């Protein structure tokens, strides 16, 4: 009978590399998720911002010319 042995990387070096790769993936995903959440919150904030009573800049001159 012939047995095939599987070599499993053991020791600190192998587990550290696996953990680092996993940590980078998790950090990358959480960073992208955080950016997406910030973008959504910014969009909501801009949509719900009260309109200014007095316009500033180009819009002011355009509105007064009408």
N, C-alpha and C. Protein backbone atom coordinates (compact mmCIF):
# COMPACT_ATOMS: atom_id res chain seq x y z
N UNK A 1 0.83 -1.17 0.00
CA UNK A 1 0.00 0.00 0.00
C UNK A 1 0.89 1.24 0.00
N UNK A 2 0.50 2.23 -0.83
CA UNK A 2 1.32 3.42 -0.96
C UNK A 2 0.56 4.62 -0.39
N UNK A 3 1.19 5.32 0.50
CA UNK A 3 0.57 6.50 1.11
C UNK A 3 1.25 7.76 0.59
N UNK A 4 0.44 8.75 0.32
CA UNK A 4 0.98 10.04 -0.10
C UNK A 4 0.87 10.99 1.08
N UNK A 5 1.96 11.59 1.41
CA UNK A 5 1.92 12.53 2.53
C UNK A 5 1.79 13.96 2.00
N UNK A 6 0.96 14.70 2.63
CA UNK A 6 0.80 16.10 2.28
C UNK A 6 1.67 16.92 3.21
N UNK A 7 2.43 17.78 2.64
CA UNK A 7 3.27 18.64 3.47
C UNK A 7 2.51 19.91 3.79
N UNK A 8 2.38 20.17 5.03
CA UNK A 8 1.69 21.37 5.48
C UNK A 8 2.75 22.29 6.07
N UNK A 9 2.73 23.51 5.62
CA UNK A 9 3.71 24.48 6.14
C UNK A 9 3.40 24.74 7.60
N UNK A 10 4.38 24.51 8.40
CA UNK A 10 4.20 24.73 9.83
C UNK A 10 5.24 25.70 10.33
N UNK A 11 4.98 26.22 11.46
CA UNK A 11 5.93 27.13 12.06
C UNK A 11 5.44 28.57 11.99
N UNK A 12 6.20 29.43 12.60
CA UNK A 12 5.78 30.83 12.69
C UNK A 12 5.79 31.53 11.34
N UNK A 13 6.79 31.21 10.52
CA UNK A 13 6.92 31.91 9.24
C UNK A 13 5.69 31.67 8.35
N UNK A 14 5.24 30.45 8.23
CA UNK A 14 4.10 30.14 7.36
C UNK A 14 2.82 30.78 7.89
N UNK A 15 2.59 30.66 9.18
CA UNK A 15 1.35 31.20 9.73
C UNK A 15 1.36 32.72 9.70
N UNK A 16 2.52 33.32 9.86
CA UNK A 16 2.61 34.78 9.83
C UNK A 16 2.27 35.29 8.43
N UNK A 17 2.77 34.61 7.39
CA UNK A 17 2.47 35.04 6.03
C UNK A 17 0.98 34.92 5.75
N UNK A 18 0.37 33.84 6.19
CA UNK A 18 -1.06 33.66 5.97
C UNK A 18 -1.86 34.72 6.72
N UNK A 19 -1.47 35.00 7.94
CA UNK A 19 -2.17 36.00 8.74
C UNK A 19 -2.01 37.39 8.14
N UNK A 20 -0.81 37.71 7.66
CA UNK A 20 -0.58 39.02 7.05
C UNK A 20 -1.44 39.21 5.81
N UNK A 21 -1.51 38.16 4.99
CA UNK A 21 -2.32 38.26 3.77
C UNK A 21 -3.79 38.44 4.12
N UNK A 22 -4.25 37.70 5.11
CA UNK A 22 -5.64 37.81 5.54
C UNK A 22 -5.91 39.18 6.14
N UNK A 23 -4.98 39.67 6.92
CA UNK A 23 -5.15 40.98 7.55
C UNK A 23 -5.21 42.08 6.49
N UNK A 24 -4.35 41.99 5.47
CA UNK A 24 -4.37 42.99 4.39
C UNK A 24 -5.71 42.97 3.68
N UNK A 25 -6.26 41.77 3.45
CA UNK A 25 -7.55 41.66 2.78
C UNK A 25 -8.64 42.29 3.62
N UNK A 26 -8.65 41.99 4.91
CA UNK A 26 -9.67 42.52 5.80
C UNK A 26 -9.56 44.04 5.90
N UNK A 27 -8.34 44.54 6.05
CA UNK A 27 -8.14 45.99 6.16
C UNK A 27 -8.55 46.66 4.86
N UNK A 28 -8.19 46.07 3.72
CA UNK A 28 -8.57 46.64 2.43
C UNK A 28 -10.07 46.70 2.27
N UNK A 29 -10.76 45.62 2.64
CA UNK A 29 -12.21 45.60 2.53
C UNK A 29 -12.85 46.60 3.46
N UNK A 30 -12.35 46.68 4.69
CA UNK A 30 -12.96 47.60 5.63
C UNK A 30 -12.71 49.04 5.21
N UNK A 31 -11.57 49.32 4.59
CA UNK A 31 -11.28 50.67 4.12
C UNK A 31 -12.22 51.05 2.99
N UNK A 32 -12.43 50.10 2.04
CA UNK A 32 -13.35 50.38 0.94
C UNK A 32 -14.77 50.55 1.45
N UNK A 33 -15.16 49.74 2.41
CA UNK A 33 -16.50 49.86 2.98
C UNK A 33 -16.65 51.20 3.67
N UNK A 34 -15.63 51.62 4.39
CA UNK A 34 -15.68 52.91 5.09
C UNK A 34 -15.81 54.05 4.08
N UNK A 35 -15.07 53.98 2.98
CA UNK A 35 -15.18 55.01 1.95
C UNK A 35 -16.58 55.06 1.37
N UNK A 36 -17.16 53.89 1.13
CA UNK A 36 -18.50 53.83 0.55
C UNK A 36 -19.52 54.43 1.51
N UNK A 37 -19.40 54.11 2.79
CA UNK A 37 -20.32 54.65 3.80
C UNK A 37 -20.17 56.17 3.87
N UNK A 38 -18.94 56.66 3.85
CA UNK A 38 -18.72 58.11 3.89
C UNK A 38 -19.34 58.79 2.68
N UNK A 39 -19.22 58.18 1.51
CA UNK A 39 -19.79 58.77 0.30
C UNK A 39 -21.31 58.84 0.39
N UNK A 40 -21.93 57.79 0.90
CA UNK A 40 -23.39 57.79 1.05
C UNK A 40 -23.82 58.85 2.04
N UNK A 41 -23.14 58.94 3.17
CA UNK A 41 -23.50 59.95 4.17
C UNK A 41 -23.31 61.36 3.64
N UNK A 42 -22.24 61.59 2.88
CA UNK A 42 -22.03 62.91 2.28
C UNK A 42 -23.16 63.26 1.32
N UNK A 43 -23.56 62.29 0.50
CA UNK A 43 -24.64 62.54 -0.46
C UNK A 43 -25.93 62.89 0.27
N UNK A 44 -26.24 62.16 1.31
CA UNK A 44 -27.45 62.45 2.08
C UNK A 44 -27.36 63.82 2.74
N UNK A 45 -26.20 64.15 3.26
CA UNK A 45 -26.02 65.43 3.93
C UNK A 45 -26.22 66.58 2.94
N UNK A 46 -25.69 66.42 1.72
CA UNK A 46 -25.81 67.49 0.73
C UNK A 46 -27.25 67.63 0.24
N UNK A 47 -27.95 66.53 0.13
CA UNK A 47 -29.34 66.61 -0.34
C UNK A 47 -30.24 67.24 0.69
N UNK A 48 -29.96 67.00 1.96
CA UNK A 48 -30.84 67.51 3.00
C UNK A 48 -30.40 68.86 3.54
N UNK A 49 -29.31 69.41 3.01
CA UNK A 49 -28.82 70.71 3.49
C UNK A 49 -29.83 71.79 3.12
N UNK A 50 -30.11 72.70 4.04
CA UNK A 50 -31.07 73.77 3.73
C UNK A 50 -30.53 74.68 2.63
N UNK A 51 -31.41 75.13 1.77
CA UNK A 51 -31.01 76.03 0.68
C UNK A 51 -30.63 77.38 1.26
N UNK A 52 -29.63 77.98 0.69
CA UNK A 52 -29.18 79.27 1.20
C UNK A 52 -30.16 80.36 0.76
N UNK A 53 -30.43 81.27 1.67
CA UNK A 53 -31.33 82.39 1.36
C UNK A 53 -30.64 83.35 0.40
N UNK A 54 -29.37 83.63 0.65
CA UNK A 54 -28.61 84.56 -0.17
C UNK A 54 -27.59 83.77 -0.97
N UNK A 55 -27.70 83.84 -2.26
CA UNK A 55 -26.77 83.10 -3.10
C UNK A 55 -25.47 83.88 -3.23
N UNK A 56 -24.40 83.13 -3.42
CA UNK A 56 -23.08 83.74 -3.46
C UNK A 56 -22.46 83.47 -4.82
N UNK A 57 -21.72 84.44 -5.35
CA UNK A 57 -20.94 84.22 -6.56
C UNK A 57 -21.73 84.40 -7.83
N UNK A 58 -21.46 83.54 -8.81
CA UNK A 58 -22.08 83.64 -10.13
C UNK A 58 -23.60 83.56 -10.06
N UNK A 59 -24.09 82.65 -9.23
CA UNK A 59 -25.53 82.47 -9.14
C UNK A 59 -26.21 83.74 -8.66
N UNK A 60 -25.56 84.51 -7.80
CA UNK A 60 -26.14 85.74 -7.29
C UNK A 60 -26.30 86.75 -8.42
N UNK A 61 -25.29 86.90 -9.26
CA UNK A 61 -25.38 87.87 -10.35
C UNK A 61 -26.39 87.41 -11.40
N UNK A 62 -26.47 86.11 -11.63
CA UNK A 62 -27.42 85.57 -12.60
C UNK A 62 -28.85 85.76 -12.10
N UNK A 63 -29.07 85.55 -10.80
CA UNK A 63 -30.40 85.67 -10.23
C UNK A 63 -30.85 87.14 -10.20
N UNK A 64 -29.93 88.05 -9.93
CA UNK A 64 -30.30 89.47 -9.86
C UNK A 64 -30.53 90.06 -11.24
N UNK A 65 -29.97 89.46 -12.28
CA UNK A 65 -30.13 89.96 -13.64
C UNK A 65 -31.49 89.62 -14.21
N UNK A 66 -32.19 88.69 -13.62
CA UNK A 66 -33.49 88.26 -14.15
C UNK A 66 -34.56 89.25 -13.90
